[in-house]
Amino acid sequence: MSGVGVGGQVAGAGRCGWQMTVVANLCLGVIGLFPFFLLTLYVSNLGRAGGAPLGWTLIVVPLTVGFGALWFLVNRGLRKLTSPAHARRHWWLAALLTSAPTLSLPVGALVSGSF
């Protein structure tokens, strides 16, 4: 296997891996706003609807699980571009960057005064 270095790391990767991790996870965070919004609506309506409506369950659960699987697969591939010593940092950075667009919404609302 040419191109694979020690510990399954791609040869020649380094700073490029971190840059790709930042860009990919910020993009995933923007895409993840939709499943997060639907999941928020679903959970907030559980008490009012007297249980979980089947139609919402059939939409929200596969969408959320699918996004989680996409996030994991993308980051597993990007993980190979970083050094093995930084594996734990990669996963924490990926989770933080993916949640950044969602966390910026209430902060933006507080700053603008619309909250």
Protein backbone atom coordinates (compact mmCIF):
# COMPACT_ATOMS: atom_id res chain seq x y z
CA MET A 1 0.00 0.00 0.00
CA SER A 2 1.73 3.13 -1.15
CA GLY A 3 0.84 6.34 0.59
CA VAL A 4 0.12 4.79 3.99
CA GLY A 5 2.60 5.58 6.72
CA VAL A 6 3.03 4.45 10.30
CA GLY A 7 -0.17 3.66 12.21
CA GLY A 8 -2.44 3.95 9.17
CA GLN A 9 -1.67 7.64 8.69
CA VAL A 10 -1.58 8.87 5.11
CA ALA A 11 1.99 9.69 4.11
CA GLY A 12 2.58 13.39 3.55
CA ALA A 13 -0.40 14.47 5.65
CA GLY A 14 -0.02 16.92 8.49
CA ARG A 15 -1.23 20.47 8.52
CA CYS A 16 -3.40 19.69 5.49
CA GLY A 17 -5.32 17.18 7.62
CA TRP A 18 -6.16 19.80 10.25
CA GLN A 19 -7.28 22.30 7.61
CA MET A 20 -9.51 19.72 5.98
CA THR A 21 -10.93 18.79 9.38
CA VAL A 22 -11.85 22.41 10.09
CA VAL A 23 -13.50 23.01 6.71
CA ALA A 24 -15.35 19.67 6.58
CA ASN A 25 -16.73 19.92 10.12
CA LEU A 26 -17.88 23.51 9.71
CA CYS A 27 -19.72 22.44 6.54
CA LEU A 28 -21.20 19.46 8.39
CA GLY A 29 -22.28 21.84 11.15
CA VAL A 30 -24.21 23.97 8.67
CA ILE A 31 -25.82 20.86 7.17
CA GLY A 32 -26.55 19.59 10.68
CA LEU A 33 -28.69 22.62 11.50
CA PHE A 34 -31.64 20.99 9.73
CA PRO A 35 -31.63 17.68 11.69
CA PHE A 36 -30.97 19.64 14.90
CA PHE A 37 -33.94 21.92 14.24
CA LEU A 38 -36.24 18.96 13.50
CA LEU A 39 -35.00 17.08 16.55
CA THR A 40 -35.66 20.15 18.71
CA LEU A 41 -39.22 20.42 17.39
CA TYR A 42 -39.75 16.70 17.88
CA VAL A 43 -38.59 16.72 21.51
CA SER A 44 -40.47 19.92 22.38
CA ASN A 45 -43.74 18.48 21.02
CA LEU A 46 -43.50 15.11 22.80
CA GLY A 47 -45.37 16.33 25.88
CA ARG A 48 -48.07 18.16 23.95
CA ALA A 49 -48.84 15.35 21.53
CA GLY A 50 -49.25 12.76 24.27
CA GLY A 51 -46.36 10.68 22.98
CA ALA A 52 -44.24 10.43 19.88
CA PRO A 53 -46.25 10.85 16.66
CA LEU A 54 -45.32 8.09 14.23
CA GLY A 55 -44.93 10.40 11.23
CA TRP A 56 -42.41 12.60 13.01
CA THR A 57 -40.57 9.58 14.36
CA LEU A 58 -40.21 8.10 10.86
CA ILE A 59 -38.65 11.34 9.62
CA VAL A 60 -36.57 12.64 12.52
CA VAL A 61 -34.93 9.45 13.76
CA PRO A 62 -33.49 8.25 10.40
CA LEU A 63 -32.41 11.80 9.53
CA THR A 64 -30.59 12.25 12.82
CA VAL A 65 -29.01 8.79 12.72
CA GLY A 66 -28.00 9.33 9.09
CA PHE A 67 -26.34 12.64 9.92
CA GLY A 68 -24.49 11.02 12.83
CA ALA A 69 -23.27 8.22 10.56
CA LEU A 70 -22.16 10.73 7.91
CA TRP A 71 -20.31 12.75 10.55
CA PHE A 72 -18.56 9.64 11.88
CA LEU A 73 -17.53 8.36 8.45
CA VAL A 74 -16.20 11.73 7.30
CA ASN A 75 -14.21 12.18 10.49
CA ARG A 76 -12.89 8.64 10.44
CA GLY A 77 -11.46 9.36 7.00
CA LEU A 78 -10.08 12.72 8.09
CA ARG A 79 -8.58 11.13 11.20
CA LYS A 80 -6.15 9.24 8.95
CA LEU A 81 -4.74 12.57 7.78
CA THR A 82 -3.65 13.54 11.29
CA SER A 83 -0.86 12.03 13.32
CA PRO A 84 -1.70 9.12 15.65
CA ALA A 85 -0.53 11.18 18.64
CA HIS A 86 -3.33 13.70 18.02
CA ALA A 87 -6.25 11.26 17.71
CA ARG A 88 -8.12 12.48 20.77
CA ARG A 89 -7.70 16.12 19.74
CA HIS A 90 -9.13 15.34 16.31
CA TRP A 91 -12.42 13.98 17.69
CA TRP A 92 -12.88 16.85 20.18
CA LEU A 93 -12.09 19.45 17.54
CA ALA A 94 -14.48 17.77 15.09
CA ALA A 95 -17.33 17.78 17.64
CA LEU A 96 -16.70 21.41 18.60
CA LEU A 97 -16.51 22.61 14.99
CA THR A 98 -19.64 20.71 13.99
CA SER A 99 -21.59 22.24 16.85
CA ALA A 100 -20.26 25.77 16.22
CA PRO A 101 -23.00 26.83 13.74
CA THR A 102 -25.72 25.58 16.08
CA LEU A 103 -24.17 27.26 19.11
CA SER A 104 -23.74 30.54 17.22
CA LEU A 105 -27.51 30.94 16.74
CA PRO A 106 -28.42 31.77 20.38
CA VAL A 107 -25.25 33.83 20.77
CA GLY A 108 -26.18 35.87 17.69
CA ALA A 109 -29.70 36.33 19.01
CA LEU A 110 -28.39 37.54 22.38
CA VAL A 111 -25.97 39.98 20.76
CA SER A 112 -28.58 41.38 18.36
CA GLY A 113 -31.15 41.74 21.13
CA SER A 114 -33.81 39.50 19.55
CA PHE A 115 -33.81 37.01 22.38
